[in-house]
Amino acid sequence: MRNDNLDLGAIISDAYRQRNQLVGDMIAAGLQRTVARIRAIFKKPAASRPSPEAAQRFCW
């Protein structure tokens, strides 16, 4: 019986590890998209950039 519990514990632990890896990957991808958007804004000429007031809409 003890081995069954250890196996179940290992399965649960691995499931949490995989979930955490997936969440981390999703956060990293979101940050990469955000950084790419910011870089694209600053590559534009100053006249075509959004105003600071418009940029505030993206802040929480």
PDB file of N, CA and C in Angstrom:
ATOM      1  N   MET A   1       0.819  -1.192   0.000  1.00  0.00           N
ATOM      2  CA  MET A   1       0.000   0.000   0.000  1.00  0.00           C
ATOM      3  C   MET A   1       0.868   1.263   0.000  1.00  0.00           C
ATOM      4  N   ARG A   2       1.975   1.207   0.704  1.00  0.00           N
ATOM      5  CA  ARG A   2       2.853   2.374   0.790  1.00  0.00           C
ATOM      6  C   ARG A   2       3.354   2.788  -0.590  1.00  0.00           C
ATOM      7  N   ASN A   3       3.706   1.842  -1.426  1.00  0.00           N
ATOM      8  CA  ASN A   3       4.186   2.163  -2.767  1.00  0.00           C
ATOM      9  C   ASN A   3       3.109   2.843  -3.599  1.00  0.00           C
ATOM     10  N   ASP A   4       1.849   2.424  -3.411  1.00  0.00           N
ATOM     11  CA  ASP A   4       0.750   3.065  -4.138  1.00  0.00           C
ATOM     12  C   ASP A   4       0.643   4.536  -3.756  1.00  0.00           C
ATOM     13  N   ASN A   5       0.793   4.822  -2.463  1.00  0.00           N
ATOM     14  CA  ASN A   5       0.710   6.211  -2.013  1.00  0.00           C
ATOM     15  C   ASN A   5       1.866   7.036  -2.563  1.00  0.00           C
ATOM     16  N   LEU A   6       3.039   6.457  -2.601  1.00  0.00           N
ATOM     17  CA  LEU A   6       4.187   7.174  -3.146  1.00  0.00           C
ATOM     18  C   LEU A   6       3.997   7.439  -4.630  1.00  0.00           C
ATOM     19  N   ASP A   7       3.461   6.467  -5.348  1.00  0.00           N
ATOM     20  CA  ASP A   7       3.213   6.659  -6.776  1.00  0.00           C
ATOM     21  C   ASP A   7       2.183   7.754  -7.006  1.00  0.00           C
ATOM     22  N   LEU A   8       1.124   7.751  -6.206  1.00  0.00           N
ATOM     23  CA  LEU A   8       0.091   8.773  -6.333  1.00  0.00           C
ATOM     24  C   LEU A   8       0.670  10.149  -6.006  1.00  0.00           C
ATOM     25  N   GLY A   9       1.495  10.212  -4.985  1.00  0.00           N
ATOM     26  CA  GLY A   9       2.145  11.477  -4.629  1.00  0.00           C
ATOM     27  C   GLY A   9       3.030  11.986  -5.749  1.00  0.00           C
ATOM     28  N   ALA A  10       3.751  11.075  -6.394  1.00  0.00           N
ATOM     29  CA  ALA A  10       4.611  11.465  -7.507  1.00  0.00           C
ATOM     30  C   ALA A  10       3.786  11.958  -8.690  1.00  0.00           C
ATOM     31  N   ILE A  11       2.661  11.300  -8.945  1.00  0.00           N
ATOM     32  CA  ILE A  11       1.780  11.716 -10.047  1.00  0.00           C
ATOM     33  C   ILE A  11       1.227  13.111  -9.780  1.00  0.00           C
ATOM     34  N   ILE A  12       0.765  13.338  -8.559  1.00  0.00           N
ATOM     35  CA  ILE A  12       0.211  14.652  -8.208  1.00  0.00           C
ATOM     36  C   ILE A  12       1.295  15.724  -8.287  1.00  0.00           C
ATOM     37  N   SER A  13       2.464  15.410  -7.774  1.00  0.00           N
ATOM     38  CA  SER A  13       3.573  16.360  -7.815  1.00  0.00           C
ATOM     39  C   SER A  13       3.941  16.710  -9.255  1.00  0.00           C
ATOM     40  N   ASP A  14       3.982  15.718 -10.110  1.00  0.00           N
ATOM     41  CA  ASP A  14       4.307  15.953 -11.518  1.00  0.00           C
ATOM     42  C   ASP A  14       3.224  16.782 -12.196  1.00  0.00           C
ATOM     43  N   ALA A  15       1.965  16.531 -11.838  1.00  0.00           N
ATOM     44  CA  ALA A  15       0.863  17.308 -12.423  1.00  0.00           C
ATOM     45  C   ALA A  15       0.989  18.783 -12.033  1.00  0.00           C
ATOM     46  N   TYR A  16       1.311  19.055 -10.773  1.00  0.00           N
ATOM     47  CA  TYR A  16       1.503  20.440 -10.342  1.00  0.00           C
ATOM     48  C   TYR A  16       2.686  21.078 -11.061  1.00  0.00           C
ATOM     49  N   ARG A  17       3.767  20.319 -11.205  1.00  0.00           N
ATOM     50  CA  ARG A  17       4.947  20.847 -11.889  1.00  0.00           C
ATOM     51  C   ARG A  17       4.616  21.211 -13.325  1.00  0.00           C
ATOM     52  N   GLN A  18       3.881  20.325 -14.006  1.00  0.00           N
ATOM     53  CA  GLN A  18       3.500  20.594 -15.393  1.00  0.00           C
ATOM     54  C   GLN A  18       2.583  21.806 -15.483  1.00  0.00           C
ATOM     55  N   ARG A  19       1.640  21.906 -14.529  1.00  0.00           N
ATOM     56  CA  ARG A  19       0.734  23.062 -14.527  1.00  0.00           C
ATOM     57  C   ARG A  19       1.523  24.350 -14.329  1.00  0.00           C
ATOM     58  N   ASN A  20       2.444  24.338 -13.379  1.00  0.00           N
ATOM     59  CA  ASN A  20       3.244  25.534 -13.120  1.00  0.00           C
ATOM     60  C   ASN A  20       4.096  25.903 -14.326  1.00  0.00           C
ATOM     61  N   GLN A  21       4.617  24.923 -15.019  1.00  0.00           N
ATOM     62  CA  GLN A  21       5.403  25.182 -16.223  1.00  0.00           C
ATOM     63  C   GLN A  21       4.528  25.823 -17.291  1.00  0.00           C
ATOM     64  N   LEU A  22       3.320  25.298 -17.462  1.00  0.00           N
ATOM     65  CA  LEU A  22       2.393  25.841 -18.454  1.00  0.00           C
ATOM     66  C   LEU A  22       2.017  27.278 -18.123  1.00  0.00           C
ATOM     67  N   VAL A  23       1.706  27.538 -16.860  1.00  0.00           N
ATOM     68  CA  VAL A  23       1.355  28.901 -16.447  1.00  0.00           C
ATOM     69  C   VAL A  23       2.541  29.838 -16.671  1.00  0.00           C
ATOM     70  N   GLY A  24       3.724  29.394 -16.328  1.00  0.00           N
ATOM     71  CA  GLY A  24       4.922  30.202 -16.555  1.00  0.00           C
ATOM     72  C   GLY A  24       5.134  30.499 -18.028  1.00  0.00           C
ATOM     73  N   ASP A  25       4.918  29.508 -18.873  1.00  0.00           N
ATOM     74  CA  ASP A  25       5.057  29.713 -20.319  1.00  0.00           C
ATOM     75  C   ASP A  25       4.028  30.708 -20.837  1.00  0.00           C
ATOM     76  N   MET A  26       2.801  30.630 -20.309  1.00  0.00           N
ATOM     77  CA  MET A  26       1.750  31.552 -20.740  1.00  0.00           C
ATOM     78  C   MET A  26       2.080  32.985 -20.316  1.00  0.00           C
ATOM     79  N   ILE A  27       2.589  33.153 -19.117  1.00  0.00           N
ATOM     80  CA  ILE A  27       2.970  34.485 -18.641  1.00  0.00           C
ATOM     81  C   ILE A  27       4.112  35.039 -19.486  1.00  0.00           C
ATOM     82  N   ALA A  28       5.104  34.207 -19.769  1.00  0.00           N
ATOM     83  CA  ALA A  28       6.238  34.651 -20.580  1.00  0.00           C
ATOM     84  C   ALA A  28       5.785  35.060 -21.977  1.00  0.00           C
ATOM     85  N   ALA A  29       4.885  34.296 -22.574  1.00  0.00           N
ATOM     86  CA  ALA A  29       4.391  34.631 -23.913  1.00  0.00           C
ATOM     87  C   ALA A  29       3.631  35.953 -23.887  1.00  0.00           C
ATOM     88  N   GLY A  30       2.824  36.161 -22.865  1.00  0.00           N
ATOM     89  CA  GLY A  30       2.088  37.419 -22.744  1.00  0.00           C
ATOM     90  C   GLY A  30       3.024  38.601 -22.582  1.00  0.00           C
ATOM     91  N   LEU A  31       4.064  38.443 -21.784  1.00  0.00           N
ATOM     92  CA  LEU A  31       5.036  39.520 -21.606  1.00  0.00           C
ATOM     93  C   LEU A  31       5.782  39.812 -22.898  1.00  0.00           C
ATOM     94  N   GLN A  32       6.122  38.775 -23.650  1.00  0.00           N
ATOM     95  CA  GLN A  32       6.807  38.985 -24.926  1.00  0.00           C
ATOM     96  C   GLN A  32       5.933  39.769 -25.890  1.00  0.00           C
ATOM     97  N   ARG A  33       4.628  39.454 -25.934  1.00  0.00           N
ATOM     98  CA  ARG A  33       3.714  40.196 -26.808  1.00  0.00           C
ATOM     99  C   ARG A  33       3.608  41.653 -26.372  1.00  0.00           C
ATOM    100  N   THR A  34       3.545  41.877 -25.063  1.00  0.00           N
ATOM    101  CA  THR A  34       3.439  43.241 -24.549  1.00  0.00           C
ATOM    102  C   THR A  34       4.687  44.048 -24.885  1.00  0.00           C
ATOM    103  N   VAL A  35       5.845  43.460 -24.683  1.00  0.00           N
ATOM    104  CA  VAL A  35       7.099  44.148 -25.002  1.00  0.00           C
ATOM    105  C   VAL A  35       7.178  44.441 -26.495  1.00  0.00           C
ATOM    106  N   ALA A  36       6.740  43.504 -27.324  1.00  0.00           N
ATOM    107  CA  ALA A  36       6.753  43.727 -28.774  1.00  0.00           C
ATOM    108  C   ALA A  36       5.842  44.891 -29.149  1.00  0.00           C
ATOM    109  N   ARG A  37       4.682  44.992 -28.506  1.00  0.00           N
ATOM    110  CA  ARG A  37       3.772  46.119 -28.782  1.00  0.00           C
ATOM    111  C   ARG A  37       4.407  47.441 -28.379  1.00  0.00           C
ATOM    112  N   ILE A  38       5.032  47.464 -27.212  1.00  0.00           N
ATOM    113  CA  ILE A  38       5.671  48.701 -26.744  1.00  0.00           C
ATOM    114  C   ILE A  38       6.798  49.102 -27.686  1.00  0.00           C
ATOM    115  N   ARG A  39       7.608  48.147 -28.094  1.00  0.00           N
ATOM    116  CA  ARG A  39       8.700  48.458 -29.024  1.00  0.00           C
ATOM    117  C   ARG A  39       8.164  48.974 -30.349  1.00  0.00           C
ATOM    118  N   ALA A  40       7.070  48.388 -30.827  1.00  0.00           N
ATOM    119  CA  ALA A  40       6.480  48.834 -32.093  1.00  0.00           C
ATOM    120  C   ALA A  40       5.992  50.275 -31.978  1.00  0.00           C
ATOM    121  N   ILE A  41       5.435  50.637 -30.828  1.00  0.00           N
ATOM    122  CA  ILE A  41       4.965  52.014 -30.631  1.00  0.00           C
ATOM    123  C   ILE A  41       6.127  52.991 -30.713  1.00  0.00           C
ATOM    124  N   PHE A  42       7.243  52.662 -30.078  1.00  0.00           N
ATOM    125  CA  PHE A  42       8.356  53.603 -30.040  1.00  0.00           C
ATOM    126  C   PHE A  42       9.183  53.607 -31.319  1.00  0.00           C
ATOM    127  N   LYS A  43       8.957  52.665 -32.206  1.00  0.00           N
ATOM    128  CA  LYS A  43       9.625  52.698 -33.509  1.00  0.00           C
ATOM    129  C   LYS A  43       8.894  53.629 -34.471  1.00  0.00           C
ATOM    130  N   LYS A  44       7.636  53.956 -34.150  1.00  0.00           N
ATOM    131  CA  LYS A  44       6.864  54.848 -35.010  1.00  0.00           C
ATOM    132  C   LYS A  44       7.368  56.278 -34.837  1.00  0.00           C
ATOM    133  N   PRO A  45       7.165  57.113 -35.847  1.00  0.00           N
ATOM    134  CA  PRO A  45       7.494  58.535 -35.675  1.00  0.00           C
ATOM    135  C   PRO A  45       6.670  59.127 -34.527  1.00  0.00           C
ATOM    136  N   ALA A  46       7.207  60.125 -33.873  1.00  0.00           N
ATOM    137  CA  ALA A  46       6.554  60.696 -32.689  1.00  0.00           C
ATOM    138  C   ALA A  46       5.133  61.161 -32.982  1.00  0.00           C
ATOM    139  N   ALA A  47       4.885  61.684 -34.167  1.00  0.00           N
ATOM    140  CA  ALA A  47       3.556  62.215 -34.495  1.00  0.00           C
ATOM    141  C   ALA A  47       2.502  61.111 -34.545  1.00  0.00           C
ATOM    142  N   SER A  48       2.896  59.885 -34.855  1.00  0.00           N
ATOM    143  CA  SER A  48       1.906  58.817 -34.979  1.00  0.00           C
ATOM    144  C   SER A  48       1.796  57.948 -33.726  1.00  0.00           C
ATOM    145  N   ARG A  49       2.556  58.282 -32.694  1.00  0.00           N
ATOM    146  CA  ARG A  49       2.460  57.540 -31.436  1.00  0.00           C
ATOM    147  C   ARG A  49       1.178  57.927 -30.705  1.00  0.00           C
ATOM    148  N   PRO A  50       0.637  57.022 -29.905  1.00  0.00           N
ATOM    149  CA  PRO A  50      -0.537  57.394 -29.109  1.00  0.00           C
ATOM    150  C   PRO A  50      -0.166  58.438 -28.056  1.00  0.00           C
ATOM    151  N   SER A  51      -1.113  59.267 -27.705  1.00  0.00           N
ATOM    152  CA  SER A  51      -0.876  60.276 -26.673  1.00  0.00           C
ATOM    153  C   SER A  51      -0.737  59.584 -25.315  1.00  0.00           C
ATOM    154  N   PRO A  52      -0.126  60.260 -24.355  1.00  0.00           N
ATOM    155  CA  PRO A  52      -0.033  59.659 -23.014  1.00  0.00           C
ATOM    156  C   PRO A  52      -1.404  59.329 -22.426  1.00  0.00           C
ATOM    157  N   GLU A  53      -2.412  60.149 -22.752  1.00  0.00           N
ATOM    158  CA  GLU A  53      -3.760  59.877 -22.248  1.00  0.00           C
ATOM    159  C   GLU A  53      -4.297  58.573 -22.833  1.00  0.00           C
ATOM    160  N   ALA A  54      -4.049  58.355 -24.113  1.00  0.00           N
ATOM    161  CA  ALA A  54      -4.504  57.114 -24.742  1.00  0.00           C
ATOM    162  C   ALA A  54      -3.739  55.918 -24.178  1.00  0.00           C
ATOM    163  N   ALA A  55      -2.474  56.120 -23.872  1.00  0.00           N
ATOM    164  CA  ALA A  55      -1.665  55.026 -23.330  1.00  0.00           C
ATOM    165  C   ALA A  55      -2.155  54.617 -21.943  1.00  0.00           C
ATOM    166  N   GLN A  56      -2.770  55.540 -21.213  1.00  0.00           N
ATOM    167  CA  GLN A  56      -3.263  55.230 -19.865  1.00  0.00           C
ATOM    168  C   GLN A  56      -4.352  54.169 -19.891  1.00  0.00           C
ATOM    169  N   ARG A  57      -5.047  54.031 -21.002  1.00  0.00           N
ATOM    170  CA  ARG A  57      -6.102  53.019 -21.087  1.00  0.00           C
ATOM    171  C   ARG A  57      -5.542  51.619 -20.920  1.00  0.00           C
ATOM    172  N   PHE A  58      -4.250  51.424 -21.217  1.00  0.00           N
ATOM    173  CA  PHE A  58      -3.649  50.102 -21.123  1.00  0.00           C
ATOM    174  C   PHE A  58      -3.131  49.813 -19.722  1.00  0.00           C
ATOM    175  N   CYS A  59      -3.140  50.807 -18.848  1.00  0.00           N
ATOM    176  CA  CYS A  59      -2.686  50.613 -17.470  1.00  0.00           C
ATOM    177  C   CYS A  59      -3.854  50.152 -16.622  1.00  0.00           C
ATOM    178  N   TRP A  60      -3.543  49.383 -15.585  1.00  0.00           N
ATOM    179  CA  TRP A  60      -4.616  48.879 -14.725  1.00  0.00           C
ATOM    180  C   TRP A  60      -4.863  49.807 -13.590  1.00  0.00           C
TER     181      TRP A  60
END
